[in-house]
């Protein structure tokens, strides 16, 4: 489990983490196909529609917390705003 705490406000297109909702539930072959499609030139939205996933931008107000399964495909995004922003991340792992 990944927990992200927003220390500052993170506005849309302000450099928030982008996650592919439901990607952790995709079968292996479908996930490999999606990864190839996302790395290739072309219509990203069409690839997402076929795979029943959507891009979620983890923007929000200072104090907001996001929980995410660590198997979800995610990536940092470009900060198109002039705002600095900080967040803290904690990861929880089961042992045993």
N, C-alpha and C. Protein backbone atom coordinates (compact mmCIF):
# COMPACT_ATOMS: atom_id res chain seq x y z
N UNK A 1 0.85 -1.16 0.00
CA UNK A 1 0.00 0.00 0.00
C UNK A 1 0.90 1.23 0.00
N UNK A 2 0.55 2.20 -0.79
CA UNK A 2 1.26 3.48 -0.84
C UNK A 2 0.33 4.55 -0.32
N UNK A 3 0.84 5.38 0.56
CA UNK A 3 0.07 6.48 1.14
C UNK A 3 0.80 7.78 0.79
N UNK A 4 0.10 8.71 0.16
CA UNK A 4 0.69 10.00 -0.21
C UNK A 4 -0.04 11.11 0.52
N UNK A 5 0.72 11.92 1.23
CA UNK A 5 0.18 13.06 1.98
C UNK A 5 0.55 14.34 1.23
N UNK A 6 -0.43 15.15 0.86
CA UNK A 6 -0.13 16.42 0.21
C UNK A 6 0.24 17.44 1.29
N UNK A 7 1.45 17.95 1.23
CA UNK A 7 1.90 18.97 2.18
C UNK A 7 1.48 20.34 1.68
N UNK A 8 1.48 20.53 0.39
CA UNK A 8 1.03 21.77 -0.25
C UNK A 8 -0.17 21.46 -1.13
N UNK A 9 -0.90 22.51 -1.52
CA UNK A 9 -1.94 22.33 -2.53
C UNK A 9 -1.26 21.88 -3.83
N UNK A 10 -1.87 20.95 -4.52
CA UNK A 10 -1.38 20.51 -5.83
C UNK A 10 -2.53 20.71 -6.81
N UNK A 11 -2.39 21.72 -7.65
CA UNK A 11 -3.46 22.06 -8.59
C UNK A 11 -3.43 21.09 -9.77
N UNK A 12 -4.56 20.94 -10.49
CA UNK A 12 -4.54 20.13 -11.71
C UNK A 12 -3.44 20.62 -12.66
N UNK A 13 -2.72 19.72 -13.26
CA UNK A 13 -1.57 19.98 -14.13
C UNK A 13 -0.43 20.63 -13.37
N UNK A 14 -0.41 20.42 -12.04
CA UNK A 14 0.63 21.00 -11.19
C UNK A 14 1.69 20.01 -10.77
N UNK A 15 1.85 18.91 -11.50
CA UNK A 15 2.90 17.95 -11.20
C UNK A 15 2.49 16.82 -10.28
N UNK A 16 1.20 16.56 -10.18
CA UNK A 16 0.72 15.47 -9.32
C UNK A 16 1.07 14.12 -9.92
N UNK A 17 1.05 13.09 -9.10
CA UNK A 17 1.21 11.72 -9.58
C UNK A 17 0.01 11.37 -10.46
N UNK A 18 0.27 10.70 -11.58
CA UNK A 18 -0.79 10.18 -12.44
C UNK A 18 -0.85 8.68 -12.25
N UNK A 19 -2.05 8.15 -12.07
CA UNK A 19 -2.22 6.71 -11.87
C UNK A 19 -3.23 6.17 -12.88
N UNK A 20 -3.05 4.92 -13.28
CA UNK A 20 -4.00 4.25 -14.16
C UNK A 20 -4.95 3.43 -13.29
N UNK A 21 -6.13 3.98 -13.09
CA UNK A 21 -7.13 3.32 -12.24
C UNK A 21 -7.40 1.91 -12.74
N UNK A 22 -7.45 0.98 -11.82
CA UNK A 22 -7.77 -0.43 -12.07
C UNK A 22 -6.66 -1.20 -12.79
N UNK A 23 -5.51 -0.58 -13.04
CA UNK A 23 -4.45 -1.30 -13.76
C UNK A 23 -3.91 -2.48 -12.95
N UNK A 24 -4.01 -2.42 -11.64
CA UNK A 24 -3.51 -3.52 -10.80
C UNK A 24 -4.39 -4.77 -10.90
N UNK A 25 -5.57 -4.63 -11.49
CA UNK A 25 -6.49 -5.78 -11.63
C UNK A 25 -6.43 -6.41 -13.02
N UNK A 26 -5.62 -5.85 -13.90
CA UNK A 26 -5.56 -6.35 -15.27
C UNK A 26 -4.76 -7.65 -15.34
N UNK A 27 -5.20 -8.61 -16.17
CA UNK A 27 -4.40 -9.82 -16.37
C UNK A 27 -3.06 -9.46 -17.01
N UNK A 28 -2.06 -10.30 -16.81
CA UNK A 28 -0.70 -10.02 -17.27
C UNK A 28 -0.57 -9.63 -18.72
N UNK A 29 -1.19 -10.39 -19.63
CA UNK A 29 -1.06 -10.10 -21.06
C UNK A 29 -1.70 -8.76 -21.41
N UNK A 30 -2.87 -8.47 -20.85
CA UNK A 30 -3.54 -7.19 -21.11
C UNK A 30 -2.69 -6.03 -20.59
N UNK A 31 -2.06 -6.22 -19.45
CA UNK A 31 -1.21 -5.18 -18.88
C UNK A 31 0.02 -4.93 -19.75
N UNK A 32 0.63 -5.99 -20.24
CA UNK A 32 1.78 -5.84 -21.14
C UNK A 32 1.38 -5.10 -22.42
N UNK A 33 0.22 -5.45 -22.98
CA UNK A 33 -0.27 -4.78 -24.19
C UNK A 33 -0.50 -3.30 -23.94
N UNK A 34 -1.09 -2.97 -22.79
CA UNK A 34 -1.34 -1.57 -22.45
C UNK A 34 -0.03 -0.81 -22.28
N UNK A 35 0.93 -1.40 -21.61
CA UNK A 35 2.22 -0.72 -21.41
C UNK A 35 2.88 -0.40 -22.74
N UNK A 36 2.83 -1.33 -23.69
CA UNK A 36 3.40 -1.10 -25.02
C UNK A 36 2.65 0.04 -25.71
N UNK A 37 1.32 0.02 -25.64
CA UNK A 37 0.50 1.07 -26.28
C UNK A 37 0.80 2.44 -25.69
N UNK A 38 1.00 2.52 -24.39
CA UNK A 38 1.25 3.81 -23.75
C UNK A 38 2.64 4.36 -24.08
N UNK A 39 3.56 3.48 -24.42
CA UNK A 39 4.92 3.93 -24.77
C UNK A 39 5.06 4.24 -26.25
N UNK A 40 4.03 3.94 -27.04
CA UNK A 40 4.08 4.13 -28.49
C UNK A 40 3.32 5.39 -28.88
N UNK A 41 3.72 6.00 -30.02
CA UNK A 41 2.94 7.13 -30.51
C UNK A 41 1.54 6.66 -30.89
N UNK A 42 0.57 7.50 -30.69
CA UNK A 42 -0.80 7.13 -31.04
C UNK A 42 -1.80 7.67 -30.05
N UNK A 43 -3.00 7.18 -30.15
CA UNK A 43 -4.12 7.67 -29.35
C UNK A 43 -4.12 6.99 -27.98
N UNK A 44 -3.61 7.67 -26.97
CA UNK A 44 -3.57 7.13 -25.61
C UNK A 44 -4.98 6.87 -25.10
N UNK A 45 -5.90 7.78 -25.36
CA UNK A 45 -7.27 7.62 -24.87
C UNK A 45 -7.93 6.36 -25.44
N UNK A 46 -7.65 6.04 -26.70
CA UNK A 46 -8.22 4.82 -27.30
C UNK A 46 -7.67 3.58 -26.60
N UNK A 47 -6.37 3.58 -26.30
CA UNK A 47 -5.78 2.45 -25.58
C UNK A 47 -6.39 2.29 -24.20
N UNK A 48 -6.68 3.41 -23.54
CA UNK A 48 -7.28 3.35 -22.21
C UNK A 48 -8.71 2.84 -22.27
N UNK A 49 -9.48 3.27 -23.27
CA UNK A 49 -10.87 2.81 -23.40
C UNK A 49 -10.93 1.30 -23.58
N UNK A 50 -10.06 0.78 -24.42
CA UNK A 50 -10.04 -0.66 -24.68
C UNK A 50 -9.68 -1.43 -23.42
N UNK A 51 -8.83 -0.87 -22.58
CA UNK A 51 -8.35 -1.58 -21.39
C UNK A 51 -9.21 -1.32 -20.15
N UNK A 52 -10.26 -0.51 -20.25
CA UNK A 52 -11.13 -0.18 -19.12
C UNK A 52 -10.34 0.45 -17.97
N UNK A 53 -9.40 1.32 -18.32
CA UNK A 53 -8.66 2.09 -17.32
C UNK A 53 -8.85 3.57 -17.62
N UNK A 54 -8.48 4.38 -16.67
CA UNK A 54 -8.52 5.83 -16.88
C UNK A 54 -7.39 6.46 -16.09
N UNK A 55 -6.92 7.60 -16.56
CA UNK A 55 -5.87 8.32 -15.86
C UNK A 55 -6.50 9.13 -14.74
N UNK A 56 -5.95 8.98 -13.54
CA UNK A 56 -6.40 9.75 -12.38
C UNK A 56 -5.23 10.62 -11.94
N UNK A 57 -5.47 11.92 -11.86
CA UNK A 57 -4.45 12.86 -11.39
C UNK A 57 -4.66 13.08 -9.90
N UNK A 58 -3.65 12.83 -9.11
CA UNK A 58 -3.77 12.93 -7.65
C UNK A 58 -3.48 14.35 -7.18
N UNK A 59 -4.30 15.29 -7.65
CA UNK A 59 -4.18 16.67 -7.20
C UNK A 59 -5.15 16.88 -6.04
N UNK A 60 -4.92 17.92 -5.26
CA UNK A 60 -5.80 18.18 -4.12
C UNK A 60 -5.27 19.28 -3.23
N UNK A 61 -5.85 19.39 -2.08
CA UNK A 61 -5.50 20.42 -1.10
C UNK A 61 -4.49 19.88 -0.09
N UNK A 62 -3.72 20.78 0.50
CA UNK A 62 -2.79 20.39 1.56
C UNK A 62 -3.57 19.64 2.64
N UNK A 63 -3.03 18.52 3.07
CA UNK A 63 -3.70 17.69 4.08
C UNK A 63 -4.44 16.51 3.48
N UNK A 64 -4.72 16.54 2.18
CA UNK A 64 -5.37 15.39 1.54
C UNK A 64 -4.42 14.20 1.54
N UNK A 65 -4.99 13.01 1.62
CA UNK A 65 -4.22 11.77 1.63
C UNK A 65 -4.77 10.85 0.55
N UNK A 66 -3.88 10.26 -0.24
CA UNK A 66 -4.26 9.29 -1.26
C UNK A 66 -3.71 7.93 -0.86
N UNK A 67 -4.53 6.90 -0.99
CA UNK A 67 -4.10 5.52 -0.77
C UNK A 67 -4.11 4.80 -2.11
N UNK A 68 -3.06 4.04 -2.39
CA UNK A 68 -2.97 3.38 -3.69
C UNK A 68 -2.26 2.04 -3.53
N UNK A 69 -2.81 1.02 -4.15
CA UNK A 69 -2.14 -0.27 -4.24
C UNK A 69 -0.84 -0.05 -5.03
N UNK A 70 0.27 -0.54 -4.53
CA UNK A 70 1.56 -0.29 -5.19
C UNK A 70 1.68 -0.96 -6.55
N UNK A 71 0.77 -1.86 -6.90
CA UNK A 71 0.79 -2.50 -8.22
C UNK A 71 0.15 -1.63 -9.29
N UNK A 72 -0.52 -0.54 -8.90
CA UNK A 72 -1.14 0.36 -9.87
C UNK A 72 -0.03 1.05 -10.67
N UNK A 73 -0.17 1.06 -12.00
CA UNK A 73 0.80 1.79 -12.82
C UNK A 73 0.65 3.27 -12.52
N UNK A 74 1.77 3.93 -12.25
CA UNK A 74 1.73 5.35 -11.93
C UNK A 74 3.04 6.01 -12.36
N UNK A 75 3.00 7.33 -12.48
CA UNK A 75 4.16 8.08 -12.95
C UNK A 75 4.06 9.52 -12.45
N UNK A 76 5.19 10.19 -12.29
CA UNK A 76 5.11 11.63 -12.00
C UNK A 76 4.64 12.36 -13.25
N UNK A 77 4.14 13.56 -13.08
CA UNK A 77 3.75 14.36 -14.24
C UNK A 77 4.50 15.69 -14.21
N UNK A 78 4.41 16.41 -15.28
CA UNK A 78 5.10 17.70 -15.42
C UNK A 78 4.31 18.77 -14.68
N UNK A 79 5.01 19.60 -13.94
CA UNK A 79 4.38 20.71 -13.24
C UNK A 79 4.25 21.88 -14.21
N UNK A 80 3.05 22.07 -14.77
CA UNK A 80 2.80 23.15 -15.73
C UNK A 80 2.46 24.46 -15.03
N UNK A 81 2.33 24.42 -13.70
CA UNK A 81 2.05 25.64 -12.94
C UNK A 81 3.37 26.24 -12.46
N UNK A 82 3.30 27.41 -11.87
CA UNK A 82 4.50 28.03 -11.30
C UNK A 82 4.59 27.76 -9.81
N UNK A 83 3.73 26.87 -9.31
CA UNK A 83 3.67 26.59 -7.88
C UNK A 83 4.62 25.46 -7.51
N UNK A 84 5.37 25.68 -6.43
CA UNK A 84 6.12 24.58 -5.85
C UNK A 84 5.14 23.73 -5.06
N UNK A 85 5.37 22.44 -4.99
CA UNK A 85 4.48 21.57 -4.22
C UNK A 85 5.28 20.44 -3.63
N UNK A 86 4.85 20.03 -2.45
CA UNK A 86 5.53 18.93 -1.77
C UNK A 86 4.50 17.91 -1.32
N UNK A 87 4.95 16.66 -1.28
CA UNK A 87 4.13 15.60 -0.70
C UNK A 87 5.07 14.60 -0.04
N UNK A 88 4.54 13.86 0.88
CA UNK A 88 5.31 12.82 1.57
C UNK A 88 4.67 11.48 1.24
N UNK A 89 5.51 10.48 1.03
CA UNK A 89 5.01 9.16 0.67
C UNK A 89 5.46 8.14 1.70
N UNK A 90 4.54 7.27 2.08
CA UNK A 90 4.84 6.16 2.97
C UNK A 90 4.40 4.88 2.28
N UNK A 91 5.19 3.85 2.38
CA UNK A 91 4.83 2.55 1.80
C UNK A 91 4.70 1.53 2.92
N UNK A 92 3.67 0.71 2.82
CA UNK A 92 3.42 -0.33 3.80
C UNK A 92 3.51 -1.68 3.10
N UNK A 93 4.29 -2.58 3.66
CA UNK A 93 4.46 -3.91 3.09
C UNK A 93 4.13 -4.97 4.13
N UNK A 94 3.50 -6.05 3.69
CA UNK A 94 3.26 -7.19 4.58
C UNK A 94 4.48 -8.09 4.55
N UNK A 95 4.88 -8.55 5.68
CA UNK A 95 6.01 -9.49 5.76
C UNK A 95 5.51 -10.80 6.32
N UNK A 96 6.09 -11.85 5.82
CA UNK A 96 5.73 -13.13 6.41
C UNK A 96 5.26 -14.15 5.45
